[in-house]
Amino acid sequence: MLGMLSKKQIHKGRFTIAAKHHITIAEIYETELVDIEKAITHYEQSADYYKGEESNSSANKCLLKVAAYAAQLEQYQKAIEIYEQIGTSTMDNPLLKYSAKEYFFKAALCHFIVDELNAKLAVQKYEEMFPAFSDSRECKLLKKLLEAHEEQNSEAYTEAVKEFDSISRLDQWLTTMLLRIKKSIQGDGDGDLK
């Protein structure tokens, strides 16, 4: 019995070592070689190894990198699936549920870039699944952006983003996604959010 236990632990330990190797390789592709496609592949591989030993939080960290890069490469469906999956798995966890709103927000932005109606339906779905999302600043911003987009009002769109940014600073990823959506408003050629 003891022998079996130690073999199992060694096996699990190897998963962690393999996962860490893949993260190291991913980071090299990310920063030094700037090959995002290859970085994605290695982050996915790492997530698989972590899942193999049920290290879900480590797996999720890798998957969130995959989602962020996938969205940058316009692989929105892939990003949406990851953000929704992690949002759903964290929303019932008392320690992680506050992160769920961020994942649903990011998934909705990816939907929005592809199709406004999809984004509307996604927001409704997230509110039903996770009522706390309705009261979040992220959800309120999405609704303002959807309304501005529907009216093709780029000033209202920019104003809503500015208001949000004054309280919660937008990072580079969010700025990029919000600009991609703004560009689909007719007659908005300046591509500036500030």
Protein backbone atom coordinates (compact mmCIF):
# COMPACT_ATOMS: atom_id res chain seq x y z
CA MET A 1 0.00 0.00 0.00
CA LEU A 2 2.77 2.43 0.94
CA GLY A 3 4.62 1.59 -2.26
CA MET A 4 1.51 2.35 -4.32
CA LEU A 5 1.00 5.65 -2.55
CA SER A 6 4.52 6.86 -3.19
CA LYS A 7 4.31 5.84 -6.87
CA LYS A 8 1.09 7.82 -7.17
CA GLN A 9 2.72 10.85 -5.54
CA ILE A 10 5.74 10.57 -7.83
CA HIS A 11 3.37 10.39 -10.80
CA LYS A 12 1.54 13.48 -9.58
CA GLY A 13 4.83 15.24 -8.95
CA ARG A 14 5.83 14.61 -12.55
CA PHE A 15 2.65 16.31 -13.76
CA THR A 16 3.59 19.43 -11.82
CA ILE A 17 7.17 19.39 -13.13
CA ALA A 18 5.90 18.93 -16.70
CA ALA A 19 3.35 21.73 -16.22
CA LYS A 20 6.05 24.10 -14.94
CA HIS A 21 8.33 23.25 -17.88
CA HIS A 22 5.55 24.12 -20.31
CA ILE A 23 4.93 27.43 -18.51
CA THR A 24 8.64 28.26 -18.80
CA ILE A 25 8.57 27.48 -22.54
CA ALA A 26 5.35 29.49 -22.96
CA GLU A 27 6.94 32.49 -21.24
CA ILE A 28 9.96 32.29 -23.58
CA TYR A 29 7.64 32.28 -26.61
CA GLU A 30 5.68 35.12 -25.03
CA THR A 31 8.48 37.51 -24.17
CA GLU A 32 11.61 36.62 -26.10
CA LEU A 33 10.36 35.01 -29.31
CA VAL A 34 7.00 36.80 -29.44
CA ASP A 35 5.26 33.79 -30.94
CA ILE A 36 1.85 33.96 -29.28
CA GLU A 37 0.43 30.90 -31.10
CA LYS A 38 3.20 28.73 -29.63
CA ALA A 39 2.83 30.34 -26.20
CA ILE A 40 -0.89 29.41 -26.30
CA THR A 41 -0.04 25.78 -27.14
CA HIS A 42 2.31 25.49 -24.16
CA TYR A 43 -0.08 27.20 -21.73
CA GLU A 44 -2.79 24.73 -22.86
CA GLN A 45 -0.41 21.82 -22.35
CA SER A 46 0.45 23.10 -18.89
CA ALA A 47 -3.26 23.46 -18.01
CA ASP A 48 -3.81 19.81 -19.06
CA TYR A 49 -1.04 18.61 -16.77
CA TYR A 50 -2.38 20.65 -13.86
CA LYS A 51 -5.88 19.27 -14.47
CA GLY A 52 -4.34 15.79 -14.42
CA GLU A 53 -3.57 16.26 -10.78
CA GLU A 54 -6.62 18.39 -9.99
CA SER A 55 -4.67 21.63 -9.46
CA ASN A 56 -7.61 23.61 -10.78
CA SER A 57 -6.44 27.06 -9.75
CA SER A 58 -3.06 26.52 -11.47
CA ALA A 59 -4.83 25.13 -14.55
CA ASN A 60 -7.16 28.16 -14.60
CA LYS A 61 -4.23 30.59 -14.45
CA CYS A 62 -2.82 28.99 -17.59
CA LEU A 63 -6.22 28.92 -19.30
CA LEU A 64 -6.79 32.61 -18.58
CA LYS A 65 -3.53 33.35 -20.41
CA VAL A 66 -4.81 31.23 -23.31
CA ALA A 67 -8.13 33.12 -23.36
CA ALA A 68 -6.47 36.55 -23.29
CA TYR A 69 -4.13 35.67 -26.15
CA ALA A 70 -6.83 33.89 -28.14
CA ALA A 71 -8.96 37.05 -28.02
CA GLN A 72 -6.00 39.17 -29.13
CA LEU A 73 -5.58 36.82 -32.10
CA GLU A 74 -9.32 37.19 -32.84
CA GLN A 75 -10.07 33.58 -31.81
CA TYR A 76 -13.07 34.87 -29.89
CA GLN A 77 -15.01 31.62 -29.61
CA LYS A 78 -12.08 29.94 -27.89
CA ALA A 79 -11.72 32.87 -25.47
CA ILE A 80 -15.47 32.92 -24.73
CA GLU A 81 -15.53 29.20 -23.90
CA ILE A 82 -12.64 29.54 -21.44
CA TYR A 83 -13.98 32.70 -19.75
CA GLU A 84 -17.46 31.18 -19.41
CA GLN A 85 -16.11 27.88 -18.12
CA ILE A 86 -13.92 29.55 -15.47
CA GLY A 87 -16.65 32.08 -14.59
CA THR A 88 -19.13 29.26 -14.04
CA SER A 89 -16.70 27.22 -11.95
CA THR A 90 -15.77 30.19 -9.72
CA MET A 91 -19.17 31.83 -9.19
CA ASP A 92 -20.23 29.32 -6.49
CA ASN A 93 -16.92 29.50 -4.63
CA PRO A 94 -17.13 32.06 -1.78
CA LEU A 95 -13.44 32.93 -2.16
CA LEU A 96 -13.45 33.24 -5.94
CA LYS A 97 -16.92 34.49 -6.83
CA TYR A 98 -15.79 38.11 -7.10
CA SER A 99 -13.52 37.10 -9.97
CA ALA A 100 -16.46 35.51 -11.82
CA LYS A 101 -17.87 38.93 -12.81
CA GLU A 102 -14.55 39.77 -14.51
CA TYR A 103 -14.60 36.52 -16.51
CA PHE A 104 -18.21 37.03 -17.60
CA PHE A 105 -17.38 40.65 -18.50
CA LYS A 106 -14.49 39.51 -20.71
CA ALA A 107 -16.61 36.79 -22.32
CA ALA A 108 -19.34 39.36 -23.08
CA LEU A 109 -16.80 41.73 -24.67
CA CYS A 110 -15.60 38.91 -26.93
CA HIS A 111 -19.23 38.19 -27.89
CA PHE A 112 -19.75 41.92 -28.53
CA ILE A 113 -16.87 42.13 -31.01
CA VAL A 114 -18.39 39.26 -32.99
CA ASP A 115 -22.06 40.18 -32.76
CA GLU A 116 -24.06 42.73 -30.73
CA LEU A 117 -27.09 40.45 -30.34
CA ASN A 118 -24.90 37.62 -29.04
CA ALA A 119 -23.50 40.02 -26.45
CA LYS A 120 -27.01 41.03 -25.32
CA LEU A 121 -28.05 37.40 -24.95
CA ALA A 122 -24.81 36.55 -23.15
CA VAL A 123 -25.30 39.38 -20.63
CA GLN A 124 -28.85 38.13 -19.92
CA LYS A 125 -27.55 34.58 -19.49
CA TYR A 126 -24.79 35.67 -17.08
CA GLU A 127 -27.28 37.71 -15.02
CA GLU A 128 -29.57 34.69 -14.71
CA MET A 129 -26.71 32.34 -13.82
CA PHE A 130 -24.99 34.76 -11.46
CA PRO A 131 -27.39 37.41 -10.06
CA ALA A 132 -24.48 39.31 -8.44
CA PHE A 133 -23.31 40.14 -11.97
CA SER A 134 -26.34 42.42 -12.48
CA ASP A 135 -25.16 44.86 -9.80
CA SER A 136 -21.56 44.90 -10.95
CA ARG A 137 -20.00 47.95 -12.60
CA GLU A 138 -18.92 45.64 -15.42
CA CYS A 139 -22.50 44.65 -16.24
CA LYS A 140 -23.68 48.27 -16.07
CA LEU A 141 -20.89 49.28 -18.45
CA LEU A 142 -21.83 46.50 -20.89
CA LYS A 143 -25.44 47.70 -20.94
CA LYS A 144 -24.38 51.30 -21.62
CA LEU A 145 -22.04 50.16 -24.38
CA LEU A 146 -24.74 48.00 -25.97
CA GLU A 147 -27.15 50.93 -25.91
CA ALA A 148 -24.55 53.32 -27.40
CA HIS A 149 -23.70 50.76 -30.09
CA GLU A 150 -27.36 50.24 -30.95
CA GLU A 151 -27.78 54.00 -31.35
CA GLN A 152 -24.43 54.20 -33.21
CA ASN A 153 -23.47 56.89 -30.70
CA SER A 154 -19.68 56.91 -30.38
CA GLU A 155 -19.72 59.84 -27.90
CA ALA A 156 -21.95 57.95 -25.46
CA TYR A 157 -19.75 54.89 -25.91
CA THR A 158 -16.57 56.85 -25.10
CA GLU A 159 -18.26 58.58 -22.15
CA ALA A 160 -19.30 55.24 -20.61
CA VAL A 161 -15.76 53.88 -20.98
CA LYS A 162 -14.22 57.06 -19.47
CA GLU A 163 -16.57 56.90 -16.49
CA PHE A 164 -15.66 53.24 -15.85
CA ASP A 165 -11.93 53.93 -16.31
CA SER A 166 -12.00 56.78 -13.77
CA ILE A 167 -12.84 54.23 -11.03
CA SER A 168 -11.35 50.98 -12.36
CA ARG A 169 -8.33 51.52 -14.57
CA LEU A 170 -8.59 49.71 -17.88
CA ASP A 171 -5.69 47.43 -18.69
CA GLN A 172 -4.20 47.02 -22.17
CA TRP A 173 -6.33 43.96 -23.00
CA LEU A 174 -9.63 45.65 -22.10
CA THR A 175 -8.62 48.82 -23.96
CA THR A 176 -7.84 46.78 -27.08
CA MET A 177 -11.19 44.94 -26.96
CA LEU A 178 -13.17 48.12 -26.28
CA LEU A 179 -11.49 49.86 -29.22
CA ARG A 180 -12.31 46.93 -31.52
CA ILE A 181 -15.98 47.27 -30.57
CA LYS A 182 -15.91 51.07 -30.93
CA LYS A 183 -14.54 50.79 -34.46
CA SER A 184 -17.76 49.03 -35.47
CA ILE A 185 -19.73 52.21 -34.68
CA GLN A 186 -20.31 53.91 -38.03
CA GLY A 187 -18.42 57.08 -38.66
CA ASP A 188 -15.99 56.55 -35.79
CA GLY A 189 -12.65 56.86 -37.49
CA ASP A 190 -10.55 58.29 -34.66
CA GLY A 191 -10.33 55.01 -32.74
CA ASP A 192 -9.69 56.78 -29.44
CA LEU A 193 -11.37 56.00 -26.13
CA LYS A 194 -9.99 58.81 -23.99
